[in-house]
């Protein structure tokens, strides 16, 4: 489905507390979306397939309907280039999407898993509305890409925002979570939301309970001291 649809709709009223971000200066999106990679088993089969199906009916149905409406209009709001083909210059891949935009079939263009150099090459070909790179509290290897996005107003969609649950064992994360009566996952999402106004986390889950837990993180506010402690003690920027 068009990524912008998931991001723009969020996961319900609770998600709206995360605030909004402008995509390409054209679309206002809620800064907390839903990652669907766990539903089809990309990261492994869901522990409870029936619950995953119930979640799919609850959340993704309306986005599919919206996508169908967009398809009838022959335009996708945000077309994300999900990976850079090492055998194809990024200029060619983005250029093909620019052509589709010129035909009125695509409204905005996004790129994924890019370096700063690749992002700049893509921007030289066409306007980039979003970047989707791996980024979370424990893995900040795309810090330089985030800095570029902040500087020019590009939305940054961090995938793997919870590190597949690996962050839950971080001691400082647990301390902060306990202080707020929250979960480690909620604190990790709140850290992302407060780390930068261009970040739009898309945590994935196959559980309705976890979906509601994740969206509740939009209302969690960490102090500057807590943000600093987490940034310095949990994980480290990856070279």
C-alpha atoms as a PDB file:
ATOM      1  CA  UNK A   1       0.000   0.000   0.000  1.00  0.00           C
ATOM      2  CA  UNK A   2       1.209   3.581  -0.461  1.00  0.00           C
ATOM      3  CA  UNK A   3       3.436   4.367   2.508  1.00  0.00           C
ATOM      4  CA  UNK A   4       1.939   7.822   2.873  1.00  0.00           C
ATOM      5  CA  UNK A   5      -1.471   6.331   3.537  1.00  0.00           C
ATOM      6  CA  UNK A   6      -0.266   4.325   6.514  1.00  0.00           C
ATOM      7  CA  UNK A   7       1.725   7.240   7.864  1.00  0.00           C
ATOM      8  CA  UNK A   8      -0.979   9.807   7.325  1.00  0.00           C
ATOM      9  CA  UNK A   9      -3.706   7.767   8.954  1.00  0.00           C
ATOM     10  CA  UNK A  10      -1.609   6.577  11.890  1.00  0.00           C
ATOM     11  CA  UNK A  11      -3.181   3.959  14.106  1.00  0.00           C
ATOM     12  CA  UNK A  12      -6.026   5.859  15.712  1.00  0.00           C
ATOM     13  CA  UNK A  13      -6.686   8.931  17.883  1.00  0.00           C
ATOM     14  CA  UNK A  14      -3.867   8.106  20.327  1.00  0.00           C
ATOM     15  CA  UNK A  15      -1.283   8.297  17.563  1.00  0.00           C
ATOM     16  CA  UNK A  16      -2.288  11.881  16.783  1.00  0.00           C
ATOM     17  CA  UNK A  17      -0.592  12.990  20.001  1.00  0.00           C
ATOM     18  CA  UNK A  18       2.728  12.420  18.258  1.00  0.00           C
ATOM     19  CA  UNK A  19       2.069  15.530  16.173  1.00  0.00           C
ATOM     20  CA  UNK A  20       2.367  15.861  12.417  1.00  0.00           C
ATOM     21  CA  UNK A  21       5.007  16.337   9.746  1.00  0.00           C
ATOM     22  CA  UNK A  22       4.749  17.690   6.225  1.00  0.00           C
ATOM     23  CA  UNK A  23       5.698  15.281   3.442  1.00  0.00           C
ATOM     24  CA  UNK A  24       7.074  17.088   0.443  1.00  0.00           C
ATOM     25  CA  UNK A  25       5.323  20.250   1.577  1.00  0.00           C
ATOM     26  CA  UNK A  26       2.061  18.731   0.327  1.00  0.00           C
ATOM     27  CA  UNK A  27       0.679  16.197   2.795  1.00  0.00           C
ATOM     28  CA  UNK A  28       0.361  16.415   6.575  1.00  0.00           C
ATOM     29  CA  UNK A  29       1.086  13.032   8.195  1.00  0.00           C
ATOM     30  CA  UNK A  30       0.781  11.868  11.802  1.00  0.00           C
ATOM     31  CA  UNK A  31       4.284  11.193  13.181  1.00  0.00           C
ATOM     32  CA  UNK A  32       3.533   7.634  14.286  1.00  0.00           C
ATOM     33  CA  UNK A  33       2.549   5.051  11.705  1.00  0.00           C
ATOM     34  CA  UNK A  34       2.240   1.292  11.451  1.00  0.00           C
ATOM     35  CA  UNK A  35       4.805  -1.105  10.021  1.00  0.00           C
ATOM     36  CA  UNK A  36       3.186  -4.130   8.404  1.00  0.00           C
ATOM     37  CA  UNK A  37       6.299  -6.261   7.844  1.00  0.00           C
ATOM     38  CA  UNK A  38       5.443  -8.679  10.677  1.00  0.00           C
ATOM     39  CA  UNK A  39       2.031  -9.535   9.283  1.00  0.00           C
ATOM     40  CA  UNK A  40       3.222 -11.358   6.133  1.00  0.00           C
ATOM     41  CA  UNK A  41       6.047 -13.039   8.062  1.00  0.00           C
ATOM     42  CA  UNK A  42       8.953 -11.025   6.685  1.00  0.00           C
ATOM     43  CA  UNK A  43      10.542 -11.054  10.171  1.00  0.00           C
ATOM     44  CA  UNK A  44       9.254 -14.548  10.928  1.00  0.00           C
ATOM     45  CA  UNK A  45       5.769 -15.966  11.336  1.00  0.00           C
ATOM     46  CA  UNK A  46       3.566 -14.197  13.922  1.00  0.00           C
ATOM     47  CA  UNK A  47       3.274 -16.048  17.238  1.00  0.00           C
ATOM     48  CA  UNK A  48      -0.503 -15.826  17.016  1.00  0.00           C
ATOM     49  CA  UNK A  49      -1.612 -15.945  13.342  1.00  0.00           C
ATOM     50  CA  UNK A  50      -5.301 -15.522  14.239  1.00  0.00           C
ATOM     51  CA  UNK A  51      -4.589 -12.340  16.176  1.00  0.00           C
ATOM     52  CA  UNK A  52      -2.445 -11.093  13.294  1.00  0.00           C
ATOM     53  CA  UNK A  53      -5.388 -11.611  10.959  1.00  0.00           C
ATOM     54  CA  UNK A  54      -7.685  -9.717  13.328  1.00  0.00           C
ATOM     55  CA  UNK A  55      -5.174  -6.870  13.403  1.00  0.00           C
ATOM     56  CA  UNK A  56      -4.994  -6.922   9.629  1.00  0.00           C
ATOM     57  CA  UNK A  57      -8.774  -6.599   9.373  1.00  0.00           C
ATOM     58  CA  UNK A  58      -8.838  -3.797  11.922  1.00  0.00           C
ATOM     59  CA  UNK A  59      -5.944  -1.585  10.721  1.00  0.00           C
ATOM     60  CA  UNK A  60      -4.972  -2.382   7.163  1.00  0.00           C
ATOM     61  CA  UNK A  61      -8.557  -2.753   5.708  1.00  0.00           C
ATOM     62  CA  UNK A  62      -9.217   1.000   5.635  1.00  0.00           C
ATOM     63  CA  UNK A  63      -5.812   1.664   4.110  1.00  0.00           C
ATOM     64  CA  UNK A  64      -6.440  -0.915   1.394  1.00  0.00           C
ATOM     65  CA  UNK A  65      -9.742   0.786   0.651  1.00  0.00           C
ATOM     66  CA  UNK A  66      -8.009   4.135   0.467  1.00  0.00           C
ATOM     67  CA  UNK A  67      -5.368   2.647  -1.821  1.00  0.00           C
ATOM     68  CA  UNK A  68      -8.085   1.356  -4.130  1.00  0.00           C
ATOM     69  CA  UNK A  69      -9.564   4.834  -4.234  1.00  0.00           C
ATOM     70  CA  UNK A  70      -6.174   6.237  -5.163  1.00  0.00           C
ATOM     71  CA  UNK A  71      -5.701   3.601  -7.828  1.00  0.00           C
ATOM     72  CA  UNK A  72      -8.995   4.612  -9.395  1.00  0.00           C
ATOM     73  CA  UNK A  73      -7.515   8.091  -9.557  1.00  0.00           C
ATOM     74  CA  UNK A  74      -4.352   6.561 -11.042  1.00  0.00           C
ATOM     75  CA  UNK A  75      -2.072   8.265  -8.527  1.00  0.00           C
ATOM     76  CA  UNK A  76      -0.032   7.012  -5.553  1.00  0.00           C
ATOM     77  CA  UNK A  77       0.627   9.662  -2.918  1.00  0.00           C
ATOM     78  CA  UNK A  78       4.080   8.414  -1.941  1.00  0.00           C
ATOM     79  CA  UNK A  79       6.077   5.879  -3.933  1.00  0.00           C
ATOM     80  CA  UNK A  80       9.019   4.639  -1.880  1.00  0.00           C
ATOM     81  CA  UNK A  81      12.066   3.150  -3.627  1.00  0.00           C
ATOM     82  CA  UNK A  82      12.683   0.445  -1.037  1.00  0.00           C
ATOM     83  CA  UNK A  83      16.271  -0.432  -1.885  1.00  0.00           C
ATOM     84  CA  UNK A  84      19.120   0.782  -4.044  1.00  0.00           C
ATOM     85  CA  UNK A  85      20.014  -1.782  -6.690  1.00  0.00           C
ATOM     86  CA  UNK A  86      23.834  -1.975  -6.752  1.00  0.00           C
ATOM     87  CA  UNK A  87      23.654  -2.764 -10.462  1.00  0.00           C
ATOM     88  CA  UNK A  88      21.534   0.299 -11.287  1.00  0.00           C
ATOM     89  CA  UNK A  89      22.578   3.901 -10.603  1.00  0.00           C
ATOM     90  CA  UNK A  90      20.162   5.505  -8.167  1.00  0.00           C
ATOM     91  CA  UNK A  91      19.718   8.330 -10.665  1.00  0.00           C
ATOM     92  CA  UNK A  92      18.058   5.896 -13.061  1.00  0.00           C
ATOM     93  CA  UNK A  93      15.741   4.419 -10.442  1.00  0.00           C
ATOM     94  CA  UNK A  94      14.642   7.805  -9.124  1.00  0.00           C
ATOM     95  CA  UNK A  95      14.467   9.145 -12.647  1.00  0.00           C
ATOM     96  CA  UNK A  96      11.924   6.470 -13.563  1.00  0.00           C
ATOM     97  CA  UNK A  97       9.754   7.556 -10.642  1.00  0.00           C
ATOM     98  CA  UNK A  98      10.180  11.197 -11.661  1.00  0.00           C
ATOM     99  CA  UNK A  99       8.784  10.209 -15.065  1.00  0.00           C
ATOM    100  CA  UNK A 100       5.789   8.600 -13.361  1.00  0.00           C
ATOM    101  CA  UNK A 101       5.281  11.766 -11.361  1.00  0.00           C
ATOM    102  CA  UNK A 102       5.344  13.749 -14.566  1.00  0.00           C
ATOM    103  CA  UNK A 103       2.593  11.492 -15.874  1.00  0.00           C
ATOM    104  CA  UNK A 104       0.505  12.236 -12.801  1.00  0.00           C
ATOM    105  CA  UNK A 105       0.753   8.684 -11.450  1.00  0.00           C
ATOM    106  CA  UNK A 106       2.918   9.530  -8.430  1.00  0.00           C
ATOM    107  CA  UNK A 107       2.594  12.522  -6.139  1.00  0.00           C
ATOM    108  CA  UNK A 108       5.764  12.255  -4.012  1.00  0.00           C
ATOM    109  CA  UNK A 109       8.973  10.245  -4.089  1.00  0.00           C
ATOM    110  CA  UNK A 110      10.754   8.475  -1.245  1.00  0.00           C
ATOM    111  CA  UNK A 111      13.979   6.475  -1.024  1.00  0.00           C
ATOM    112  CA  UNK A 112      15.105   3.785   1.410  1.00  0.00           C
ATOM    113  CA  UNK A 113      18.345   2.395   2.797  1.00  0.00           C
ATOM    114  CA  UNK A 114      20.460   5.198   1.394  1.00  0.00           C
ATOM    115  CA  UNK A 115      23.714   6.839   2.390  1.00  0.00           C
ATOM    116  CA  UNK A 116      24.155  10.609   2.442  1.00  0.00           C
ATOM    117  CA  UNK A 117      25.878  10.401  -0.930  1.00  0.00           C
ATOM    118  CA  UNK A 118      23.044   8.359  -2.448  1.00  0.00           C
ATOM    119  CA  UNK A 119      20.441  10.700  -0.985  1.00  0.00           C
ATOM    120  CA  UNK A 120      22.164  13.713  -2.519  1.00  0.00           C
ATOM    121  CA  UNK A 121      22.359  11.959  -5.876  1.00  0.00           C
ATOM    122  CA  UNK A 122      18.659  11.162  -5.668  1.00  0.00           C
ATOM    123  CA  UNK A 123      17.820  14.762  -4.754  1.00  0.00           C
ATOM    124  CA  UNK A 124      19.743  15.949  -7.798  1.00  0.00           C
ATOM    125  CA  UNK A 125      17.270  14.023  -9.966  1.00  0.00           C
ATOM    126  CA  UNK A 126      13.999  14.831  -8.248  1.00  0.00           C
ATOM    127  CA  UNK A 127      12.452  16.182  -5.067  1.00  0.00           C
ATOM    128  CA  UNK A 128      12.613  13.602  -2.260  1.00  0.00           C
ATOM    129  CA  UNK A 129       9.827  13.703   0.321  1.00  0.00           C
ATOM    130  CA  UNK A 130      10.936  10.879   2.606  1.00  0.00           C
ATOM    131  CA  UNK A 131      13.805   8.588   3.563  1.00  0.00           C
ATOM    132  CA  UNK A 132      13.291   5.175   5.147  1.00  0.00           C
ATOM    133  CA  UNK A 133      16.464   3.864   6.814  1.00  0.00           C
ATOM    134  CA  UNK A 134      17.145   1.560   9.746  1.00  0.00           C
ATOM    135  CA  UNK A 135      17.383   3.677  12.883  1.00  0.00           C
ATOM    136  CA  UNK A 136      16.591   3.205  16.552  1.00  0.00           C
ATOM    137  CA  UNK A 137      17.940   4.065  19.990  1.00  0.00           C
ATOM    138  CA  UNK A 138      20.492   1.250  19.843  1.00  0.00           C
ATOM    139  CA  UNK A 139      21.440   1.582  16.162  1.00  0.00           C
ATOM    140  CA  UNK A 140      22.100   5.114  14.992  1.00  0.00           C
ATOM    141  CA  UNK A 141      24.221   4.325  11.977  1.00  0.00           C
ATOM    142  CA  UNK A 142      22.097   6.658   9.827  1.00  0.00           C
ATOM    143  CA  UNK A 143      22.677   9.687  12.059  1.00  0.00           C
ATOM    144  CA  UNK A 144      24.342  11.529   9.179  1.00  0.00           C
ATOM    145  CA  UNK A 145      21.388  10.842   6.886  1.00  0.00           C
ATOM    146  CA  UNK A 146      18.992  12.043   9.579  1.00  0.00           C
ATOM    147  CA  UNK A 147      20.987  15.262   9.879  1.00  0.00           C
ATOM    148  CA  UNK A 148      20.578  15.919   6.157  1.00  0.00           C
ATOM    149  CA  UNK A 149      16.850  15.229   6.383  1.00  0.00           C
ATOM    150  CA  UNK A 150      16.524  17.649   9.287  1.00  0.00           C
ATOM    151  CA  UNK A 151      18.391  20.318   7.372  1.00  0.00           C
ATOM    152  CA  UNK A 152      16.187  20.197   4.285  1.00  0.00           C
ATOM    153  CA  UNK A 153      12.869  19.106   5.808  1.00  0.00           C
ATOM    154  CA  UNK A 154      12.676  15.519   4.529  1.00  0.00           C
ATOM    155  CA  UNK A 155      10.606  13.074   6.579  1.00  0.00           C
ATOM    156  CA  UNK A 156      12.696  10.217   8.001  1.00  0.00           C
ATOM    157  CA  UNK A 157      10.859   6.908   8.531  1.00  0.00           C
ATOM    158  CA  UNK A 158      13.033   4.768  10.823  1.00  0.00           C
ATOM    159  CA  UNK A 159      12.444   1.086  10.174  1.00  0.00           C
ATOM    160  CA  UNK A 160      13.257  -1.430  12.907  1.00  0.00           C
ATOM    161  CA  UNK A 161      12.457   1.347  15.429  1.00  0.00           C
ATOM    162  CA  UNK A 162      12.372  -1.111  18.348  1.00  0.00           C
ATOM    163  CA  UNK A 163      15.300  -3.260  17.269  1.00  0.00           C
ATOM    164  CA  UNK A 164      13.018  -6.313  17.130  1.00  0.00           C
ATOM    165  CA  UNK A 165      12.632  -6.134  20.896  1.00  0.00           C
ATOM    166  CA  UNK A 166      16.396  -6.210  21.543  1.00  0.00           C
ATOM    167  CA  UNK A 167      16.250  -2.810  23.233  1.00  0.00           C
ATOM    168  CA  UNK A 168      13.950  -4.116  25.957  1.00  0.00           C
ATOM    169  CA  UNK A 169      16.907  -5.558  27.859  1.00  0.00           C
ATOM    170  CA  UNK A 170      18.754  -2.239  28.109  1.00  0.00           C
ATOM    171  CA  UNK A 171      19.030  -1.332  31.791  1.00  0.00           C
ATOM    172  CA  UNK A 172      18.703   2.450  31.421  1.00  0.00           C
ATOM    173  CA  UNK A 173      15.686   1.994  29.191  1.00  0.00           C
ATOM    174  CA  UNK A 174      14.011  -0.081  31.894  1.00  0.00           C
ATOM    175  CA  UNK A 175      14.829   2.527  34.542  1.00  0.00           C
ATOM    176  CA  UNK A 176      13.229   5.324  32.533  1.00  0.00           C
ATOM    177  CA  UNK A 177      10.256   3.130  31.660  1.00  0.00           C
ATOM    178  CA  UNK A 178       9.645   2.319  35.326  1.00  0.00           C
ATOM    179  CA  UNK A 179       9.782   6.010  36.227  1.00  0.00           C
ATOM    180  CA  UNK A 180       6.971   6.706  33.776  1.00  0.00           C
ATOM    181  CA  UNK A 181       4.941   3.564  34.393  1.00  0.00           C
ATOM    182  CA  UNK A 182       5.581   2.700  30.750  1.00  0.00           C
ATOM    183  CA  UNK A 183       7.133  -0.151  28.791  1.00  0.00           C
ATOM    184  CA  UNK A 184      10.623  -0.156  27.314  1.00  0.00           C
ATOM    185  CA  UNK A 185       9.099  -0.162  23.821  1.00  0.00           C
ATOM    186  CA  UNK A 186       7.049   2.930  24.606  1.00  0.00           C
ATOM    187  CA  UNK A 187      10.137   4.758  25.853  1.00  0.00           C
ATOM    188  CA  UNK A 188      12.084   3.742  22.733  1.00  0.00           C
ATOM    189  CA  UNK A 189       9.313   5.165  20.524  1.00  0.00           C
ATOM    190  CA  UNK A 190       9.043   8.318  22.632  1.00  0.00           C
ATOM    191  CA  UNK A 191      12.806   8.796  22.308  1.00  0.00           C
ATOM    192  CA  UNK A 192      12.496   8.686  18.533  1.00  0.00           C
ATOM    193  CA  UNK A 193       9.596  11.134  18.484  1.00  0.00           C
ATOM    194  CA  UNK A 194      11.551  13.594  20.625  1.00  0.00           C
ATOM    195  CA  UNK A 195      14.909  12.944  18.968  1.00  0.00           C
ATOM    196  CA  UNK A 196      13.927  14.871  15.843  1.00  0.00           C
ATOM    197  CA  UNK A 197      10.770  16.488  14.457  1.00  0.00           C
ATOM    198  CA  UNK A 198      11.334  14.814  11.090  1.00  0.00           C
ATOM    199  CA  UNK A 199      11.284  11.266  12.509  1.00  0.00           C
ATOM    200  CA  UNK A 200       8.133   9.253  11.821  1.00  0.00           C
ATOM    201  CA  UNK A 201       8.468   5.840  13.515  1.00  0.00           C
ATOM    202  CA  UNK A 202       6.570   2.902  12.009  1.00  0.00           C
ATOM    203  CA  UNK A 203       6.779   0.131  14.638  1.00  0.00           C
ATOM    204  CA  UNK A 204       5.369  -3.147  13.392  1.00  0.00           C
ATOM    205  CA  UNK A 205       3.447  -5.782  15.291  1.00  0.00           C
ATOM    206  CA  UNK A 206       0.996  -8.615  14.727  1.00  0.00           C
ATOM    207  CA  UNK A 207      -0.689  -7.985  18.080  1.00  0.00           C
ATOM    208  CA  UNK A 208      -3.567  -5.582  18.728  1.00  0.00           C
ATOM    209  CA  UNK A 209      -2.372  -5.139  22.322  1.00  0.00           C
ATOM    210  CA  UNK A 210       1.094  -4.141  21.123  1.00  0.00           C
ATOM    211  CA  UNK A 211      -0.398  -1.822  18.515  1.00  0.00           C
ATOM    212  CA  UNK A 212      -2.288   0.018  21.240  1.00  0.00           C
ATOM    213  CA  UNK A 213       0.797   0.026  23.465  1.00  0.00           C
ATOM    214  CA  UNK A 214       2.886   1.530  20.681  1.00  0.00           C
ATOM    215  CA  UNK A 215       0.406   4.276  19.849  1.00  0.00           C
ATOM    216  CA  UNK A 216       0.109   5.198  23.532  1.00  0.00           C
ATOM    217  CA  UNK A 217       3.805   6.122  23.395  1.00  0.00           C
ATOM    218  CA  UNK A 218       2.780   9.261  21.509  1.00  0.00           C
ATOM    219  CA  UNK A 219       1.591  10.726  24.810  1.00  0.00           C
ATOM    220  CA  UNK A 220       4.805   9.965  26.708  1.00  0.00           C
ATOM    221  CA  UNK A 221       7.106  12.925  27.331  1.00  0.00           C
ATOM    222  CA  UNK A 222      10.709  12.350  28.370  1.00  0.00           C
ATOM    223  CA  UNK A 223      12.763  15.009  30.103  1.00  0.00           C
ATOM    224  CA  UNK A 224      15.895  16.435  28.513  1.00  0.00           C
ATOM    225  CA  UNK A 225      17.919  14.646  31.178  1.00  0.00           C
ATOM    226  CA  UNK A 226      16.261  11.311  30.360  1.00  0.00           C
ATOM    227  CA  UNK A 227      16.804  11.812  26.651  1.00  0.00           C
ATOM    228  CA  UNK A 228      20.476  12.487  27.268  1.00  0.00           C
ATOM    229  CA  UNK A 229      20.916   9.471  29.524  1.00  0.00           C
ATOM    230  CA  UNK A 230      19.290   7.171  27.015  1.00  0.00           C
ATOM    231  CA  UNK A 231      21.298   8.550  24.110  1.00  0.00           C
ATOM    232  CA  UNK A 232      24.592   8.063  25.904  1.00  0.00           C
ATOM    233  CA  UNK A 233      23.952   4.723  27.599  1.00  0.00           C
ATOM    234  CA  UNK A 234      21.875   2.651  25.171  1.00  0.00           C
ATOM    235  CA  UNK A 235      23.642   1.387  22.051  1.00  0.00           C
ATOM    236  CA  UNK A 236      25.916   3.601  20.035  1.00  0.00           C
ATOM    237  CA  UNK A 237      26.116   5.042  16.531  1.00  0.00           C
ATOM    238  CA  UNK A 238      27.129   2.258  14.163  1.00  0.00           C
ATOM    239  CA  UNK A 239      30.139   3.022  11.948  1.00  0.00           C
END
